[in-house]
Amino acid sequence: SYVNGYRYQNTFSLTKYLNGTTFSEKEKITPKEDKKYYLMLKLRLKEGINLDEYQEKFKIDLLNEKGGMINSLINRGLLKLKDNTLLVTYDGSLLLDIILRELF
């Protein structure tokens, strides 16, 4: 789970869960990690990343922040920009881990 800047992991123990201990780990997510998770999760969706939504959430323009790398990935046919939305192409979906590594 992810709530208010913290990532939680549920307990694997059914006994603990039934006794009210529902999670076993709690991790504070840094702003950089939050951006990384956001990009990773949104690029996996067919809706992609709405650039206005990204700017509202993180108070920075993604194209200004990562424009050089994004343009390189677009030129390589791995990403595309359509209607202010960043999308992964079919070829990009096969290499999403590489795309994310290049963006970070």
N, C-alpha and C. Protein backbone atom coordinates (compact mmCIF):
# COMPACT_ATOMS: atom_id res chain seq x y z
N SER A 1 0.83 -1.19 0.00
CA SER A 1 0.00 0.00 0.00
C SER A 1 0.87 1.24 0.00
N TYR A 2 0.28 2.34 -0.44
CA TYR A 2 0.96 3.63 -0.42
C TYR A 2 -0.04 4.66 0.07
N VAL A 3 0.25 5.26 1.23
CA VAL A 3 -0.65 6.25 1.83
C VAL A 3 0.19 7.36 2.45
N ASN A 4 -0.11 8.62 2.06
CA ASN A 4 0.52 9.80 2.66
C ASN A 4 2.05 9.74 2.74
N GLY A 5 2.68 9.32 1.65
CA GLY A 5 4.13 9.31 1.60
C GLY A 5 4.80 8.10 2.23
N TYR A 6 4.02 7.12 2.64
CA TYR A 6 4.57 5.89 3.23
C TYR A 6 4.11 4.69 2.43
N ARG A 7 5.02 3.75 2.23
CA ARG A 7 4.71 2.48 1.60
C ARG A 7 4.63 1.43 2.70
N TYR A 8 3.58 0.64 2.67
CA TYR A 8 3.34 -0.40 3.68
C TYR A 8 3.35 -1.76 3.02
N GLN A 9 3.85 -2.75 3.77
CA GLN A 9 3.79 -4.13 3.32
C GLN A 9 2.97 -4.92 4.32
N ASN A 10 1.98 -5.63 3.81
CA ASN A 10 1.15 -6.44 4.70
C ASN A 10 1.96 -7.60 5.27
N THR A 11 1.56 -8.01 6.46
CA THR A 11 2.20 -9.16 7.09
C THR A 11 1.85 -10.44 6.31
N PHE A 12 2.78 -11.37 6.30
CA PHE A 12 2.52 -12.66 5.66
C PHE A 12 1.90 -13.65 6.64
N SER A 13 1.89 -13.30 7.91
CA SER A 13 1.37 -14.19 8.94
C SER A 13 -0.14 -14.01 9.09
N LEU A 14 -0.88 -15.05 8.81
CA LEU A 14 -2.32 -15.01 8.97
C LEU A 14 -2.70 -14.80 10.43
N THR A 15 -1.96 -15.39 11.35
CA THR A 15 -2.23 -15.22 12.78
C THR A 15 -2.07 -13.76 13.19
N LYS A 16 -0.98 -13.12 12.79
CA LYS A 16 -0.77 -11.71 13.11
C LYS A 16 -1.85 -10.84 12.48
N TYR A 17 -2.20 -11.16 11.25
CA TYR A 17 -3.22 -10.38 10.55
C TYR A 17 -4.56 -10.46 11.29
N LEU A 18 -4.93 -11.67 11.68
CA LEU A 18 -6.20 -11.86 12.39
C LEU A 18 -6.19 -11.23 13.78
N ASN A 19 -4.99 -11.05 14.35
CA ASN A 19 -4.86 -10.41 15.66
C ASN A 19 -4.72 -8.89 15.55
N GLY A 20 -4.84 -8.35 14.34
CA GLY A 20 -4.84 -6.90 14.17
C GLY A 20 -3.55 -6.29 13.69
N THR A 21 -2.49 -7.09 13.55
CA THR A 21 -1.23 -6.57 13.01
C THR A 21 -1.27 -6.79 11.51
N THR A 22 -1.75 -5.77 10.79
CA THR A 22 -1.98 -5.96 9.36
C THR A 22 -0.76 -5.71 8.49
N PHE A 23 0.19 -4.89 8.96
CA PHE A 23 1.38 -4.67 8.13
C PHE A 23 2.65 -4.98 8.90
N SER A 24 3.67 -5.35 8.11
CA SER A 24 4.94 -5.75 8.73
C SER A 24 6.04 -4.72 8.51
N GLU A 25 5.90 -3.88 7.48
CA GLU A 25 6.92 -2.88 7.19
C GLU A 25 6.28 -1.56 6.82
N LYS A 26 6.95 -0.47 7.20
CA LYS A 26 6.52 0.87 6.86
C LYS A 26 7.76 1.63 6.41
N GLU A 27 7.71 2.18 5.20
CA GLU A 27 8.88 2.85 4.63
C GLU A 27 8.48 4.25 4.17
N LYS A 28 9.24 5.25 4.58
CA LYS A 28 9.02 6.63 4.13
C LYS A 28 9.57 6.77 2.72
N ILE A 29 8.76 7.25 1.80
CA ILE A 29 9.16 7.42 0.42
C ILE A 29 9.67 8.84 0.21
N THR A 30 10.87 8.98 -0.35
CA THR A 30 11.45 10.29 -0.61
C THR A 30 10.77 10.90 -1.84
N PRO A 31 10.86 12.21 -2.02
CA PRO A 31 10.30 12.84 -3.22
C PRO A 31 10.86 12.24 -4.52
N LYS A 32 12.14 11.93 -4.55
CA LYS A 32 12.74 11.32 -5.75
C LYS A 32 12.13 9.94 -6.01
N GLU A 33 11.98 9.14 -4.96
CA GLU A 33 11.37 7.82 -5.11
C GLU A 33 9.91 7.94 -5.54
N ASP A 34 9.21 8.95 -5.02
CA ASP A 34 7.82 9.17 -5.37
C ASP A 34 7.69 9.43 -6.87
N LYS A 35 8.58 10.25 -7.42
CA LYS A 35 8.58 10.51 -8.86
C LYS A 35 8.86 9.23 -9.64
N LYS A 36 9.82 8.47 -9.17
CA LYS A 36 10.19 7.22 -9.85
C LYS A 36 9.02 6.24 -9.86
N TYR A 37 8.38 6.05 -8.72
CA TYR A 37 7.23 5.15 -8.66
C TYR A 37 6.09 5.65 -9.54
N TYR A 38 5.89 6.96 -9.54
CA TYR A 38 4.83 7.55 -10.36
C TYR A 38 5.08 7.26 -11.83
N LEU A 39 6.29 7.54 -12.30
CA LEU A 39 6.63 7.27 -13.70
C LEU A 39 6.50 5.79 -14.03
N MET A 40 7.02 4.95 -13.16
CA MET A 40 7.00 3.51 -13.39
C MET A 40 5.57 3.00 -13.50
N LEU A 41 4.72 3.42 -12.59
CA LEU A 41 3.35 2.91 -12.58
C LEU A 41 2.52 3.51 -13.71
N LYS A 42 2.67 4.79 -13.98
CA LYS A 42 1.88 5.44 -15.03
C LYS A 42 2.30 4.99 -16.43
N LEU A 43 3.59 4.78 -16.66
CA LEU A 43 4.02 4.35 -17.98
C LEU A 43 3.58 2.93 -18.30
N ARG A 44 3.24 2.16 -17.30
CA ARG A 44 2.74 0.80 -17.54
C ARG A 44 1.28 0.80 -17.99
N LEU A 45 0.60 1.93 -17.83
CA LEU A 45 -0.81 2.04 -18.20
C LEU A 45 -0.95 2.58 -19.61
N LYS A 46 -2.01 2.17 -20.30
CA LYS A 46 -2.23 2.68 -21.66
C LYS A 46 -2.54 4.17 -21.65
N GLU A 47 -3.00 4.73 -20.52
CA GLU A 47 -3.28 6.16 -20.41
C GLU A 47 -2.01 6.99 -20.32
N GLY A 48 -0.90 6.39 -19.91
CA GLY A 48 0.37 7.09 -19.84
C GLY A 48 0.41 8.17 -18.78
N ILE A 49 1.28 9.15 -18.98
CA ILE A 49 1.49 10.23 -18.01
C ILE A 49 0.94 11.53 -18.59
N ASN A 50 -0.08 12.06 -17.97
CA ASN A 50 -0.59 13.36 -18.34
C ASN A 50 0.39 14.39 -17.78
N LEU A 51 0.97 15.19 -18.66
CA LEU A 51 2.02 16.12 -18.24
C LEU A 51 1.50 17.22 -17.32
N ASP A 52 0.25 17.63 -17.50
CA ASP A 52 -0.33 18.62 -16.58
C ASP A 52 -0.51 18.04 -15.19
N GLU A 53 -0.95 16.78 -15.13
CA GLU A 53 -1.12 16.10 -13.84
C GLU A 53 0.22 15.95 -13.12
N TYR A 54 1.26 15.60 -13.88
CA TYR A 54 2.60 15.47 -13.31
C TYR A 54 3.06 16.80 -12.72
N GLN A 55 2.86 17.88 -13.49
CA GLN A 55 3.30 19.20 -13.02
C GLN A 55 2.52 19.62 -11.78
N GLU A 56 1.24 19.32 -11.74
CA GLU A 56 0.45 19.67 -10.56
C GLU A 56 0.90 18.88 -9.34
N LYS A 57 1.20 17.61 -9.53
CA LYS A 57 1.60 16.76 -8.41
C LYS A 57 3.00 17.10 -7.88
N PHE A 58 3.95 17.30 -8.79
CA PHE A 58 5.35 17.46 -8.38
C PHE A 58 5.87 18.90 -8.49
N LYS A 59 5.05 19.80 -8.99
CA LYS A 59 5.42 21.23 -9.10
C LYS A 59 6.62 21.45 -10.01
N ILE A 60 6.73 20.60 -11.03
CA ILE A 60 7.81 20.74 -12.01
C ILE A 60 7.33 20.16 -13.34
N ASP A 61 7.78 20.76 -14.42
CA ASP A 61 7.43 20.31 -15.76
C ASP A 61 8.33 19.13 -16.12
N LEU A 62 7.73 17.99 -16.43
CA LEU A 62 8.51 16.79 -16.72
C LEU A 62 9.41 16.99 -17.94
N LEU A 63 8.91 17.70 -18.95
CA LEU A 63 9.74 17.92 -20.14
C LEU A 63 10.92 18.83 -19.86
N ASN A 64 10.77 19.76 -18.92
CA ASN A 64 11.92 20.58 -18.52
C ASN A 64 12.89 19.77 -17.67
N GLU A 65 12.35 18.90 -16.86
CA GLU A 65 13.17 18.10 -15.95
C GLU A 65 13.93 16.99 -16.67
N LYS A 66 13.27 16.31 -17.59
CA LYS A 66 13.86 15.14 -18.25
C LYS A 66 13.77 15.22 -19.77
N GLY A 67 13.63 16.44 -20.31
CA GLY A 67 13.37 16.63 -21.73
C GLY A 67 14.39 15.99 -22.66
N GLY A 68 15.67 16.14 -22.36
CA GLY A 68 16.70 15.56 -23.22
C GLY A 68 16.57 14.05 -23.34
N MET A 69 16.39 13.39 -22.22
CA MET A 69 16.26 11.93 -22.23
C MET A 69 14.95 11.51 -22.87
N ILE A 70 13.87 12.24 -22.58
CA ILE A 70 12.57 11.91 -23.18
C ILE A 70 12.65 12.04 -24.69
N ASN A 71 13.25 13.12 -25.19
CA ASN A 71 13.40 13.30 -26.64
C ASN A 71 14.22 12.18 -27.25
N SER A 72 15.25 11.76 -26.57
CA SER A 72 16.07 10.65 -27.06
C SER A 72 15.24 9.37 -27.15
N LEU A 73 14.43 9.11 -26.13
CA LEU A 73 13.58 7.91 -26.13
C LEU A 73 12.49 8.00 -27.19
N ILE A 74 11.98 9.20 -27.44
CA ILE A 74 11.00 9.40 -28.51
C ILE A 74 11.66 9.12 -29.87
N ASN A 75 12.85 9.68 -30.07
CA ASN A 75 13.58 9.47 -31.34
C ASN A 75 13.92 8.01 -31.58
N ARG A 76 14.08 7.25 -30.51
CA ARG A 76 14.38 5.81 -30.62
C ARG A 76 13.11 4.97 -30.76
N GLY A 77 11.95 5.63 -30.75
CA GLY A 77 10.68 4.93 -30.95
C GLY A 77 10.17 4.21 -29.72
N LEU A 78 10.66 4.59 -28.53
CA LEU A 78 10.26 3.91 -27.29
C LEU A 78 9.16 4.66 -26.54
N LEU A 79 9.11 5.98 -26.73
CA LEU A 79 8.07 6.82 -26.14
C LEU A 79 7.45 7.65 -27.24
N LYS A 80 6.24 8.16 -26.97
CA LYS A 80 5.62 9.12 -27.87
C LYS A 80 4.85 10.13 -27.03
N LEU A 81 4.69 11.31 -27.61
CA LEU A 81 3.97 12.39 -26.95
C LEU A 81 2.73 12.66 -27.78
N LYS A 82 1.55 12.54 -27.13
CA LYS A 82 0.29 12.74 -27.83
C LYS A 82 -0.67 13.47 -26.90
N ASP A 83 -1.18 14.62 -27.35
CA ASP A 83 -2.17 15.38 -26.58
C ASP A 83 -1.70 15.64 -25.15
N ASN A 84 -0.46 16.09 -25.00
CA ASN A 84 0.12 16.43 -23.70
C ASN A 84 0.21 15.22 -22.75
N THR A 85 0.32 14.05 -23.35
CA THR A 85 0.45 12.81 -22.59
C THR A 85 1.65 12.04 -23.10
N LEU A 86 2.47 11.58 -22.18
CA LEU A 86 3.64 10.76 -22.52
C LEU A 86 3.24 9.30 -22.45
N LEU A 87 3.45 8.61 -23.57
CA LEU A 87 3.03 7.21 -23.70
C LEU A 87 4.21 6.33 -24.10
N VAL A 88 4.13 5.08 -23.71
CA VAL A 88 5.11 4.09 -24.13
C VAL A 88 4.60 3.45 -25.42
N THR A 89 5.47 3.32 -26.39
CA THR A 89 5.12 2.62 -27.62
C THR A 89 5.14 1.11 -27.36
N TYR A 90 4.72 0.34 -28.35
CA TYR A 90 4.79 -1.11 -28.19
C TYR A 90 6.23 -1.55 -27.93
N ASP A 91 7.16 -1.05 -28.75
CA ASP A 91 8.57 -1.41 -28.55
C ASP A 91 9.05 -0.97 -27.17
N GLY A 92 8.60 0.22 -26.74
CA GLY A 92 8.97 0.71 -25.42
C GLY A 92 8.43 -0.16 -24.30
N SER A 93 7.25 -0.73 -24.51
CA SER A 93 6.68 -1.59 -23.46
C SER A 93 7.54 -2.83 -23.24
N LEU A 94 8.23 -3.26 -24.28
CA LEU A 94 9.12 -4.42 -24.15
C LEU A 94 10.42 -4.07 -23.43
N LEU A 95 10.72 -2.77 -23.37
CA LEU A 95 11.97 -2.30 -22.77
C LEU A 95 11.72 -1.31 -21.64
N LEU A 96 10.60 -1.43 -20.97
CA LEU A 96 10.21 -0.43 -19.97
C LEU A 96 11.23 -0.30 -18.84
N ASP A 97 11.80 -1.39 -18.41
CA ASP A 97 12.82 -1.31 -17.35
C ASP A 97 14.02 -0.47 -17.79
N ILE A 98 14.41 -0.60 -19.04
CA ILE A 98 15.51 0.20 -19.57
C ILE A 98 15.11 1.68 -19.65
N ILE A 99 13.89 1.96 -20.09
CA ILE A 99 13.39 3.34 -20.15
C ILE A 99 13.44 3.98 -18.78
N LEU A 100 12.95 3.27 -17.79
CA LEU A 100 12.92 3.82 -16.42
C LEU A 100 14.33 4.03 -15.89
N ARG A 101 15.22 3.13 -16.18
CA ARG A 101 16.62 3.29 -15.73
C ARG A 101 17.23 4.53 -16.38
N GLU A 102 16.92 4.76 -17.64
CA GLU A 102 17.47 5.94 -18.34
C GLU A 102 16.87 7.23 -17.80
N LEU A 103 15.61 7.20 -17.40
CA LEU A 103 14.97 8.39 -16.86
C LEU A 103 15.47 8.72 -15.45
N PHE A 104 16.03 7.73 -14.77
CA PHE A 104 16.56 7.96 -13.43
C PHE A 104 17.99 7.50 -13.37
